[in-house]
Amino acid sequence: MKTALATLIVALAAPMAVSAALGVPDSVMSAITEACNASVADSDQAAQSDENCIARAVAAYKKSN
């Protein structure tokens, strides 16, 4: 139940993070979001962890491109 709740929170938070990343192609943003969702699914603070993961990944992408 805890994992299901965390997954739901991450799923609801992800669209906000996706829409906030300007200059990142949709395919890259989708891959980043999917990877972050998978990595934080068991976290007690899934939404915050997901946002942090996405922010770091977007920053790394922008820095490398």
N, C-alpha and C. Protein backbone atom coordinates (compact mmCIF):
# COMPACT_ATOMS: atom_id res chain seq x y z
N MET A 1 0.82 -1.19 0.00
CA MET A 1 0.00 0.00 0.00
C MET A 1 0.87 1.26 0.00
N LYS A 2 1.93 1.24 0.79
CA LYS A 2 2.83 2.39 0.87
C LYS A 2 3.47 2.67 -0.48
N THR A 3 3.87 1.62 -1.19
CA THR A 3 4.48 1.78 -2.51
C THR A 3 3.47 2.32 -3.50
N ALA A 4 2.25 1.83 -3.45
CA ALA A 4 1.20 2.31 -4.36
C ALA A 4 0.92 3.79 -4.13
N LEU A 5 0.88 4.20 -2.89
CA LEU A 5 0.64 5.60 -2.57
C LEU A 5 1.80 6.47 -3.07
N ALA A 6 3.01 6.02 -2.86
CA ALA A 6 4.18 6.77 -3.33
C ALA A 6 4.18 6.88 -4.85
N THR A 7 3.81 5.80 -5.53
CA THR A 7 3.76 5.82 -6.99
C THR A 7 2.70 6.81 -7.47
N LEU A 8 1.56 6.85 -6.81
CA LEU A 8 0.51 7.79 -7.16
C LEU A 8 0.98 9.23 -6.97
N ILE A 9 1.64 9.50 -5.87
CA ILE A 9 2.15 10.85 -5.62
C ILE A 9 3.15 11.25 -6.69
N VAL A 10 4.04 10.36 -7.04
CA VAL A 10 5.04 10.64 -8.08
C VAL A 10 4.35 10.89 -9.41
N ALA A 11 3.36 10.08 -9.74
CA ALA A 11 2.66 10.23 -11.01
C ALA A 11 1.94 11.58 -11.08
N LEU A 12 1.41 12.04 -9.99
CA LEU A 12 0.73 13.33 -9.97
C LEU A 12 1.71 14.50 -10.00
N ALA A 13 2.87 14.33 -9.43
CA ALA A 13 3.86 15.40 -9.39
C ALA A 13 4.64 15.51 -10.69
N ALA A 14 4.80 14.44 -11.41
CA ALA A 14 5.62 14.42 -12.61
C ALA A 14 5.17 15.41 -13.68
N PRO A 15 3.88 15.54 -13.99
CA PRO A 15 3.50 16.50 -15.03
C PRO A 15 3.90 17.93 -14.71
N MET A 16 3.90 18.31 -13.44
CA MET A 16 4.32 19.65 -13.07
C MET A 16 5.80 19.84 -13.39
N ALA A 17 6.60 18.85 -13.09
CA ALA A 17 8.03 18.95 -13.36
C ALA A 17 8.30 18.94 -14.85
N VAL A 18 7.56 18.14 -15.60
CA VAL A 18 7.75 18.05 -17.04
C VAL A 18 7.43 19.38 -17.70
N SER A 19 6.35 20.01 -17.31
CA SER A 19 5.95 21.27 -17.94
C SER A 19 6.89 22.41 -17.58
N ALA A 20 7.66 22.26 -16.50
CA ALA A 20 8.53 23.33 -16.05
C ALA A 20 9.89 23.33 -16.74
N ALA A 21 10.22 22.29 -17.47
CA ALA A 21 11.55 22.17 -18.07
C ALA A 21 11.54 22.71 -19.49
N LEU A 22 11.84 23.97 -19.63
CA LEU A 22 11.89 24.58 -20.96
C LEU A 22 13.22 24.27 -21.63
N GLY A 23 13.17 24.06 -22.92
CA GLY A 23 14.40 23.81 -23.67
C GLY A 23 14.85 22.37 -23.66
N VAL A 24 14.05 21.49 -23.11
CA VAL A 24 14.39 20.06 -23.08
C VAL A 24 13.38 19.34 -23.97
N PRO A 25 13.86 18.60 -24.97
CA PRO A 25 12.94 17.89 -25.86
C PRO A 25 12.03 16.93 -25.09
N ASP A 26 10.82 16.76 -25.61
CA ASP A 26 9.83 15.90 -24.95
C ASP A 26 10.34 14.48 -24.73
N SER A 27 11.05 13.95 -25.72
CA SER A 27 11.55 12.57 -25.59
C SER A 27 12.57 12.45 -24.46
N VAL A 28 13.41 13.46 -24.31
CA VAL A 28 14.41 13.46 -23.24
C VAL A 28 13.71 13.63 -21.89
N MET A 29 12.74 14.53 -21.84
CA MET A 29 12.01 14.77 -20.59
C MET A 29 11.24 13.53 -20.17
N SER A 30 10.68 12.83 -21.14
CA SER A 30 9.96 11.60 -20.85
C SER A 30 10.89 10.54 -20.26
N ALA A 31 12.07 10.40 -20.85
CA ALA A 31 13.05 9.43 -20.35
C ALA A 31 13.52 9.79 -18.95
N ILE A 32 13.77 11.07 -18.72
CA ILE A 32 14.20 11.54 -17.40
C ILE A 32 13.12 11.25 -16.36
N THR A 33 11.88 11.60 -16.69
CA THR A 33 10.77 11.40 -15.77
C THR A 33 10.58 9.92 -15.44
N GLU A 34 10.64 9.09 -16.46
CA GLU A 34 10.47 7.65 -16.24
C GLU A 34 11.57 7.09 -15.34
N ALA A 35 12.81 7.49 -15.60
CA ALA A 35 13.93 7.01 -14.79
C ALA A 35 13.80 7.48 -13.35
N CYS A 36 13.42 8.73 -13.16
CA CYS A 36 13.28 9.26 -11.80
C CYS A 36 12.11 8.61 -11.07
N ASN A 37 11.01 8.40 -11.76
CA ASN A 37 9.87 7.73 -11.14
C ASN A 37 10.27 6.35 -10.63
N ALA A 38 11.02 5.63 -11.44
CA ALA A 38 11.44 4.29 -11.05
C ALA A 38 12.41 4.33 -9.87
N SER A 39 13.28 5.33 -9.84
CA SER A 39 14.30 5.36 -8.79
C SER A 39 13.76 5.78 -7.43
N VAL A 40 12.64 6.48 -7.39
CA VAL A 40 12.12 6.96 -6.10
C VAL A 40 10.81 6.31 -5.70
N ALA A 41 10.37 5.32 -6.40
CA ALA A 41 9.05 4.72 -6.15
C ALA A 41 8.89 4.21 -4.72
N ASP A 42 9.94 3.75 -4.09
CA ASP A 42 9.83 3.21 -2.74
C ASP A 42 10.16 4.23 -1.65
N SER A 43 10.39 5.46 -2.04
CA SER A 43 10.76 6.50 -1.08
C SER A 43 9.55 6.99 -0.30
N ASP A 44 9.76 7.30 0.98
CA ASP A 44 8.70 7.86 1.81
C ASP A 44 8.36 9.29 1.37
N GLN A 45 9.33 9.97 0.79
CA GLN A 45 9.13 11.34 0.32
C GLN A 45 9.23 11.36 -1.20
N ALA A 46 8.45 10.53 -1.84
CA ALA A 46 8.55 10.28 -3.27
C ALA A 46 8.39 11.54 -4.12
N ALA A 47 7.42 12.37 -3.83
CA ALA A 47 7.18 13.55 -4.66
C ALA A 47 8.37 14.49 -4.63
N GLN A 48 8.89 14.77 -3.45
CA GLN A 48 10.04 15.67 -3.34
C GLN A 48 11.28 15.04 -3.96
N SER A 49 11.49 13.76 -3.73
CA SER A 49 12.63 13.07 -4.30
C SER A 49 12.56 13.07 -5.82
N ASP A 50 11.37 12.87 -6.36
CA ASP A 50 11.17 12.86 -7.81
C ASP A 50 11.48 14.23 -8.41
N GLU A 51 11.00 15.27 -7.77
CA GLU A 51 11.26 16.62 -8.25
C GLU A 51 12.76 16.92 -8.23
N ASN A 52 13.44 16.52 -7.17
CA ASN A 52 14.88 16.73 -7.08
C ASN A 52 15.62 15.95 -8.16
N CYS A 53 15.21 14.70 -8.37
CA CYS A 53 15.83 13.86 -9.38
C CYS A 53 15.67 14.48 -10.76
N ILE A 54 14.46 14.92 -11.07
CA ILE A 54 14.19 15.52 -12.38
C ILE A 54 14.97 16.82 -12.55
N ALA A 55 15.00 17.64 -11.52
CA ALA A 55 15.73 18.91 -11.59
C ALA A 55 17.22 18.67 -11.84
N ARG A 56 17.81 17.70 -11.15
CA ARG A 56 19.23 17.39 -11.37
C ARG A 56 19.47 16.86 -12.77
N ALA A 57 18.59 15.98 -13.24
CA ALA A 57 18.76 15.39 -14.57
C ALA A 57 18.59 16.44 -15.67
N VAL A 58 17.64 17.36 -15.51
CA VAL A 58 17.44 18.43 -16.49
C VAL A 58 18.64 19.35 -16.50
N ALA A 59 19.15 19.69 -15.34
CA ALA A 59 20.33 20.55 -15.25
C ALA A 59 21.53 19.90 -15.92
N ALA A 60 21.71 18.61 -15.70
CA ALA A 60 22.82 17.88 -16.34
C ALA A 60 22.64 17.84 -17.85
N TYR A 61 21.42 17.62 -18.31
CA TYR A 61 21.15 17.61 -19.75
C TYR A 61 21.48 18.96 -20.37
N LYS A 62 20.99 20.04 -19.75
CA LYS A 62 21.22 21.37 -20.28
C LYS A 62 22.71 21.72 -20.29
N LYS A 63 23.42 21.28 -19.27
CA LYS A 63 24.86 21.56 -19.18
C LYS A 63 25.63 20.83 -20.30
N SER A 64 25.18 19.62 -20.61
CA SER A 64 25.89 18.84 -21.62
C SER A 64 25.49 19.18 -23.06
N ASN A 65 24.41 19.93 -23.21
CA ASN A 65 23.96 20.27 -24.57
C ASN A 65 23.98 21.74 -24.77
